[in-house]
Amino acid sequence: MNVRAVPTLSGETPIVIAHRGASGNVIEHTLEAYQRGIDDGADFIEPDLVLTKDGVLVARHENEISGTTNVAQKPEFADRKTTKIIDGRGYTGWFTEDFTLAELKTLRAKERLPELRPANAQYDGDFAIPTFEEILQLLKEHEAKAGERIGVYPETKHPSYFTSIGLAHQGALLELLNKYGFDGADDPVFIQSFEVGNLQQLATKTKIRLVQLVADQGGPPDRNDLSYANMVTPAGLAEIAKYASGLGPSKSLIIGRDAQERLGQPSSLVADAHEAGLVVHPWTFRIENVFLPSEFKGGYTDSANGDVKAEIKAYLATGIDGLFSDNPREAALAVDQFGTE
């Protein structure tokens, strides 16, 4: 079957971004998950970055770590449990900014979605929390060994909050990227954020490509006057293009679902973003039934695997320039197969 497809902005093959590593197969945000992502064919690996008390960038889904580490089982840290307001919401637990790197290194990662990924949960307690520098070292080691350069796609998590407590991402992030040769517009690196201000600041300090993340509801945490809905209009995209090279939208903004949870007709977002000169990298493609449109589900449970490759191909036909996936092996296969169908 021939698939009619809109070309990417550059005409090049869409990139596959291993979302938190191959997090569908290995506990997310661990060196083991990033290595699995590389082995499974990803073009980029994606770490979410937060900071320690002593200003070190580490990879965690959030700065609140009770769901991704064994900190709650550590009696020596019981008194660190607290409640904080971050981006207008209350969170109770343990936070990276209250731990030194040495203390965080005594913790071990655990599976964030054990009910969906029990095979991952068997590795609970095996892996350490990696620093951003360790991740960059992993990429350099792979390049030296395999002669292949894999890109890095860091997300600054809650940058305004961290800046407010004296722990800004920007300096440490750019210093490390520069140290490991990721410092130009032609290097395989993107910096992403749901906030606007930190991307605008970064645009004045680096040539690295920047990506504005947008969700299907709400707005940037640092801009109460702005909604994501307004940001994805042609006028909003033109504003984004003044400081960023790309758009990272929730995939539902590109193809929504009908009342039966089947994929509907594509929106004009990819075409509109391309018109503004922005590449489009939607998130997040996952293999478990609970995340898939109804026509691509397999089996009868939320945790059963469906046909994520078919879902990805539907999005590739819209002209997306890349995609985030917890399952980079399947994503890479979908991209390869799409070009030959």
Protein backbone atom coordinates (compact mmCIF):
# COMPACT_ATOMS: atom_id res chain seq x y z
CA MET A 1 0.00 0.00 0.00
CA ASN A 2 1.30 3.45 -0.84
CA VAL A 3 0.97 6.01 1.93
CA ARG A 4 0.29 9.57 0.87
CA ALA A 5 2.36 11.81 3.10
CA VAL A 6 3.12 15.47 3.57
CA PRO A 7 6.88 16.05 3.53
CA THR A 8 8.73 17.18 6.62
CA LEU A 9 9.85 20.81 6.81
CA SER A 10 13.37 19.94 5.64
CA GLY A 11 12.40 16.99 3.46
CA GLU A 12 14.57 14.77 5.66
CA THR A 13 13.50 11.60 7.49
CA PRO A 14 11.65 12.26 10.77
CA ILE A 15 13.75 11.80 13.91
CA VAL A 16 12.96 9.34 16.69
CA ILE A 17 13.40 10.67 20.22
CA ALA A 18 13.72 8.09 23.01
CA HIS A 19 11.38 9.61 25.60
CA ARG A 20 13.22 9.41 28.94
CA GLY A 21 15.20 6.66 27.24
CA ALA A 22 13.51 3.45 26.14
CA SER A 23 11.17 3.93 29.08
CA GLY A 24 8.68 1.35 27.87
CA ASN A 25 11.35 -1.33 28.33
CA VAL A 26 13.64 -0.07 31.10
CA ILE A 27 13.05 2.19 34.12
CA GLU A 28 12.93 5.74 32.80
CA HIS A 29 15.69 8.30 33.23
CA THR A 30 18.44 5.80 33.93
CA LEU A 31 21.66 5.29 31.99
CA GLU A 32 20.37 1.82 31.19
CA ALA A 33 17.19 3.26 29.62
CA TYR A 34 19.17 5.76 27.55
CA GLN A 35 21.52 3.03 26.34
CA ARG A 36 18.54 0.85 25.41
CA GLY A 37 17.10 3.79 23.47
CA ILE A 38 20.34 4.12 21.54
CA ASP A 39 20.47 0.38 20.89
CA ASP A 40 16.86 0.40 19.70
CA GLY A 41 17.52 2.95 16.97
CA ALA A 42 16.69 6.34 18.47
CA ASP A 43 18.25 9.42 16.89
CA PHE A 44 18.00 11.41 20.14
CA ILE A 45 17.62 10.60 23.83
CA GLU A 46 15.53 12.83 26.05
CA PRO A 47 16.36 13.62 29.69
CA ASP A 48 14.10 15.75 31.88
CA LEU A 49 16.42 17.94 33.96
CA VAL A 50 16.01 19.11 37.54
CA LEU A 51 18.60 20.37 40.02
CA THR A 52 20.10 19.20 43.28
CA LYS A 53 20.70 21.33 46.37
CA ASP A 54 24.28 21.82 45.22
CA GLY A 55 23.28 22.88 41.72
CA VAL A 56 23.90 19.69 39.74
CA LEU A 57 21.59 18.81 36.84
CA VAL A 58 20.10 15.33 37.20
CA ALA A 59 17.52 13.41 35.20
CA ARG A 60 14.12 12.89 36.83
CA HIS A 61 10.58 13.15 35.50
CA GLU A 62 9.85 15.67 38.25
CA ASN A 63 11.74 17.23 41.12
CA GLU A 64 9.32 15.40 43.45
CA ILE A 65 10.87 11.92 43.50
CA SER A 66 8.70 9.67 45.67
CA GLY A 67 7.20 8.04 42.57
CA THR A 68 10.50 7.43 40.77
CA THR A 69 12.92 6.49 43.57
CA ASN A 70 13.03 4.50 46.82
CA VAL A 71 13.38 7.67 48.92
CA ALA A 72 10.27 6.84 50.97
CA GLN A 73 11.98 3.68 52.19
CA LYS A 74 15.03 5.59 53.45
CA PRO A 75 14.54 6.43 57.17
CA GLU A 76 17.49 8.81 57.14
CA PHE A 77 15.53 11.06 54.79
CA ALA A 78 12.12 10.85 56.47
CA ASP A 79 12.41 14.41 57.75
CA ARG A 80 12.90 15.74 54.21
CA LYS A 81 9.28 15.02 53.29
CA THR A 82 7.46 18.29 52.76
CA THR A 83 4.77 20.11 50.78
CA LYS A 84 5.60 22.73 48.15
CA ILE A 85 3.74 24.87 45.65
CA ILE A 86 5.25 24.49 42.18
CA ASP A 87 3.73 26.17 39.14
CA GLY A 88 0.62 26.91 41.21
CA ARG A 89 0.01 23.33 42.35
CA GLY A 90 0.66 21.68 45.68
CA TYR A 91 2.92 18.60 45.89
CA THR A 92 3.84 16.52 48.93
CA GLY A 93 6.91 14.33 48.94
CA TRP A 94 10.66 14.56 48.57
CA PHE A 95 12.30 17.07 46.22
CA THR A 96 15.66 16.96 44.46
CA GLU A 97 16.50 20.51 45.50
CA ASP A 98 16.56 19.37 49.15
CA PHE A 99 19.26 16.76 48.49
CA THR A 100 22.91 17.04 47.55
CA LEU A 101 24.09 14.98 44.62
CA ALA A 102 25.92 12.65 47.02
CA GLU A 103 22.66 12.03 48.87
CA LEU A 104 20.70 11.44 45.67
CA LYS A 105 23.30 8.91 44.58
CA THR A 106 22.38 6.76 47.61
CA LEU A 107 18.86 6.38 46.16
CA ARG A 108 17.77 3.95 43.48
CA ALA A 109 15.30 4.39 40.64
CA LYS A 110 11.97 2.59 40.51
CA GLU A 111 9.35 2.13 37.80
CA ARG A 112 6.88 5.03 37.68
CA LEU A 113 4.07 2.97 36.06
CA PRO A 114 4.42 -0.49 37.64
CA GLU A 115 0.81 -1.48 36.97
CA LEU A 116 1.36 -0.97 33.23
CA ARG A 117 4.99 -2.06 33.08
CA PRO A 118 5.52 -4.88 35.58
CA ALA A 119 8.51 -6.16 33.60
CA ASN A 120 10.25 -2.84 34.28
CA ALA A 121 9.40 -2.99 37.98
CA GLN A 122 11.57 -6.08 38.40
CA TYR A 123 14.53 -3.72 38.08
CA ASP A 124 13.42 -1.52 40.98
CA GLY A 125 16.45 -0.76 43.12
CA ASP A 126 19.03 -1.67 40.47
CA PHE A 127 19.78 1.68 38.85
CA ALA A 128 21.14 5.01 40.08
CA ILE A 129 19.92 8.54 39.30
CA PRO A 130 22.15 9.85 36.49
CA THR A 131 23.57 13.34 36.23
CA PHE A 132 23.25 15.19 32.95
CA GLU A 133 27.01 14.99 32.57
CA GLU A 134 26.91 11.20 32.91
CA ILE A 135 24.31 11.11 30.13
CA LEU A 136 26.51 13.24 27.87
CA GLN A 137 29.46 10.98 28.70
CA LEU A 138 27.36 7.98 27.65
CA LEU A 139 26.73 9.62 24.27
CA LYS A 140 30.42 10.38 23.80
CA GLU A 141 31.37 6.80 24.68
CA HIS A 142 28.86 5.48 22.16
CA GLU A 143 30.22 7.82 19.49
CA ALA A 144 33.79 6.68 20.15
CA LYS A 145 32.80 3.01 20.08
CA ALA A 146 30.26 2.95 17.25
CA GLY A 147 31.26 5.96 15.16
CA GLU A 148 27.68 7.21 15.43
CA ARG A 149 26.59 10.48 16.99
CA ILE A 150 23.32 10.30 18.91
CA GLY A 151 21.59 13.56 19.77
CA VAL A 152 20.38 14.87 23.12
CA TYR A 153 17.06 16.60 23.71
CA PRO A 154 16.95 17.95 27.30
CA GLU A 155 13.84 19.43 28.87
CA THR A 156 14.19 22.12 31.51
CA LYS A 157 11.68 21.16 34.21
CA HIS A 158 10.06 24.01 36.15
CA PRO A 159 12.77 26.56 35.24
CA SER A 160 10.99 29.54 36.81
CA TYR A 161 10.54 27.67 40.08
CA PHE A 162 14.18 26.62 40.21
CA THR A 163 15.31 30.16 39.37
CA SER A 164 13.12 31.46 42.21
CA ILE A 165 15.06 29.33 44.73
CA GLY A 166 18.45 30.27 43.33
CA LEU A 167 19.01 27.16 41.22
CA ALA A 168 18.79 28.17 37.56
CA HIS A 169 19.11 25.58 34.79
CA GLN A 170 20.65 27.86 32.20
CA GLY A 171 24.29 28.24 33.16
CA ALA A 172 24.97 24.61 34.03
CA LEU A 173 23.00 23.37 31.02
CA LEU A 174 24.85 25.46 28.44
CA GLU A 175 28.22 24.84 30.07
CA LEU A 176 27.82 21.06 29.90
CA LEU A 177 26.42 21.06 26.37
CA ASN A 178 29.35 23.21 25.23
CA LYS A 179 31.83 20.93 27.03
CA TYR A 180 30.56 17.89 25.13
CA GLY A 181 30.30 19.56 21.73
CA PHE A 182 26.58 20.29 21.61
CA ASP A 183 26.62 24.03 21.14
CA GLY A 184 25.57 24.98 17.62
CA ALA A 185 22.50 25.08 15.41
CA ASP A 186 23.89 22.19 13.35
CA ASP A 187 24.63 19.95 16.32
CA PRO A 188 22.16 17.18 17.21
CA VAL A 189 20.65 18.96 20.18
CA PHE A 190 17.37 20.66 21.05
CA ILE A 191 16.43 22.32 24.36
CA GLN A 192 12.73 22.15 25.18
CA SER A 193 10.44 23.71 27.76
CA PHE A 194 6.76 24.23 28.52
CA GLU A 195 7.68 27.72 29.70
CA VAL A 196 8.29 30.69 27.43
CA GLY A 197 10.60 32.99 29.34
CA ASN A 198 13.50 30.62 29.75
CA LEU A 199 13.45 29.76 26.02
CA GLN A 200 13.45 33.45 25.17
CA GLN A 201 16.43 33.96 27.48
CA LEU A 202 18.25 30.96 26.02
CA ALA A 203 17.69 32.34 22.52
CA THR A 204 19.88 35.32 23.44
CA LYS A 205 22.70 33.12 24.79
CA THR A 206 23.00 30.11 22.46
CA LYS A 207 22.63 29.00 18.87
CA ILE A 208 21.23 25.65 20.00
CA ARG A 209 17.79 24.95 18.55
CA LEU A 210 14.95 25.53 21.00
CA VAL A 211 11.56 23.84 21.09
CA GLN A 212 8.39 25.25 22.63
CA LEU A 213 6.33 22.50 24.25
CA VAL A 214 2.55 22.92 24.24
CA ALA A 215 -0.13 20.83 25.90
CA ASP A 216 -3.74 20.36 24.81
CA GLN A 217 -5.00 22.48 27.69
CA GLY A 218 -3.76 25.18 30.04
CA GLY A 219 -0.86 27.45 29.30
CA PRO A 220 2.80 28.14 30.08
CA PRO A 221 3.42 28.14 33.86
CA ASP A 222 5.30 31.41 33.59
CA ARG A 223 2.65 33.22 31.53
CA ASN A 224 -0.78 33.57 33.09
CA ASP A 225 -1.80 35.79 30.18
CA LEU A 226 -1.19 33.12 27.54
CA SER A 227 -2.91 29.84 26.67
CA TYR A 228 -1.47 26.97 24.67
CA ALA A 229 -4.59 27.19 22.48
CA ASN A 230 -3.59 30.71 21.46
CA MET A 231 0.02 29.68 20.96
CA VAL A 232 -0.89 27.13 18.26
CA THR A 233 -2.82 29.61 16.11
CA PRO A 234 -0.94 30.95 13.06
CA ALA A 235 -0.30 34.21 14.93
CA GLY A 236 0.89 32.35 18.01
CA LEU A 237 3.20 30.15 15.98
CA ALA A 238 4.72 33.23 14.36
CA GLU A 239 5.52 34.53 17.85
CA ILE A 240 7.13 31.22 18.84
CA ALA A 241 9.25 31.33 15.70
CA LYS A 242 10.86 34.54 16.97
CA TYR A 243 12.77 32.57 19.66
CA ALA A 244 12.39 28.86 18.84
CA SER A 245 13.07 26.49 15.96
CA GLY A 246 10.43 23.94 16.80
CA LEU A 247 7.12 23.04 18.37
CA GLY A 248 6.58 20.06 20.66
CA PRO A 249 2.81 19.60 20.80
CA SER A 250 0.66 17.01 22.51
CA LYS A 251 -0.12 14.57 19.71
CA SER A 252 -3.86 15.20 20.20
CA LEU A 253 -3.36 18.71 18.80
CA ILE A 254 -2.33 17.13 15.49
CA ILE A 255 -4.90 14.35 15.31
CA GLY A 256 -7.70 14.27 17.84
CA ARG A 257 -10.02 11.38 18.66
CA ASP A 258 -13.75 10.89 18.15
CA ALA A 259 -16.35 9.69 20.64
CA GLN A 260 -15.24 6.09 20.07
CA GLU A 261 -11.60 7.05 20.77
CA ARG A 262 -10.66 6.49 17.15
CA LEU A 263 -8.30 8.87 15.38
CA GLY A 264 -10.11 11.71 13.62
CA GLN A 265 -8.99 13.97 10.81
CA PRO A 266 -5.67 15.82 11.14
CA SER A 267 -5.74 19.47 12.14
CA SER A 268 -3.82 22.15 10.24
CA LEU A 269 -1.22 22.45 13.01
CA VAL A 270 1.68 20.78 11.19
CA ALA A 271 1.11 22.84 8.05
CA ASP A 272 0.69 26.03 10.09
CA ALA A 273 3.87 25.37 12.06
CA HIS A 274 5.82 24.60 8.91
CA GLU A 275 4.53 27.83 7.40
CA ALA A 276 6.06 29.61 10.40
CA GLY A 277 9.34 27.77 9.87
CA LEU A 278 8.96 25.48 12.88
CA VAL A 279 9.69 21.76 12.96
CA VAL A 280 7.05 19.68 14.76
CA HIS A 281 7.89 16.89 17.25
CA PRO A 282 4.71 15.56 18.94
CA TRP A 283 4.61 13.57 22.18
CA THR A 284 4.21 10.81 23.36
CA PHE A 285 3.76 7.51 21.51
CA ARG A 286 3.43 4.48 23.79
CA ILE A 287 2.69 0.85 23.06
CA GLU A 288 0.30 0.05 25.92
CA ASN A 289 -3.44 -0.11 25.12
CA VAL A 290 -4.35 2.60 27.61
CA PHE A 291 -2.49 5.16 25.51
CA LEU A 292 -3.62 4.03 22.05
CA PRO A 293 -6.60 4.94 19.85
CA SER A 294 -9.24 2.22 19.95
CA GLU A 295 -8.52 0.93 16.43
CA PHE A 296 -4.93 0.12 17.37
CA LYS A 297 -5.50 -1.61 20.72
CA GLY A 298 -4.49 -5.25 21.16
CA GLY A 299 -5.82 -7.65 23.78
CA TYR A 300 -8.20 -6.65 26.52
CA THR A 301 -6.22 -5.00 29.30
CA ASP A 302 -4.79 -1.50 29.66
CA SER A 303 -1.27 -2.92 29.93
CA ALA A 304 -1.49 -5.13 26.84
CA ASN A 305 0.50 -4.02 23.82
CA GLY A 306 -1.23 -2.62 20.76
CA ASP A 307 -0.09 -1.46 17.33
CA VAL A 308 1.80 1.72 18.15
CA LYS A 309 3.56 1.54 14.76
CA ALA A 310 0.21 2.00 13.00
CA GLU A 311 -0.56 5.03 15.17
CA ILE A 312 2.84 6.54 14.44
CA LYS A 313 2.39 6.04 10.70
CA ALA A 314 -0.88 7.99 10.82
CA TYR A 315 1.04 10.91 12.28
CA LEU A 316 3.98 10.55 9.89
CA ALA A 317 1.49 11.09 7.07
CA THR A 318 0.81 14.61 8.40
CA GLY A 319 4.42 15.68 7.81
CA ILE A 320 5.72 15.67 11.39
CA ASP A 321 9.47 16.14 11.64
CA GLY A 322 10.04 13.75 14.53
CA LEU A 323 8.32 12.15 17.48
CA PHE A 324 8.81 11.24 21.12
CA SER A 325 8.25 7.60 22.01
CA ASP A 326 8.67 5.37 25.07
CA ASN A 327 9.24 2.57 22.54
CA PRO A 328 11.97 3.78 20.18
CA ARG A 329 12.43 0.37 18.57
CA GLU A 330 8.86 0.35 17.31
CA ALA A 331 9.05 4.04 16.43
CA ALA A 332 12.22 3.56 14.38
CA LEU A 333 10.66 0.59 12.59
CA ALA A 334 7.55 2.66 11.81
CA VAL A 335 9.68 5.43 10.30
CA ASP A 336 11.68 2.93 8.24
CA GLN A 337 8.60 1.07 7.05
CA PHE A 338 6.68 4.24 6.27
CA GLY A 339 9.17 5.28 3.65
CA THR A 340 8.79 1.99 1.76
CA GLU A 341 5.02 1.44 1.85
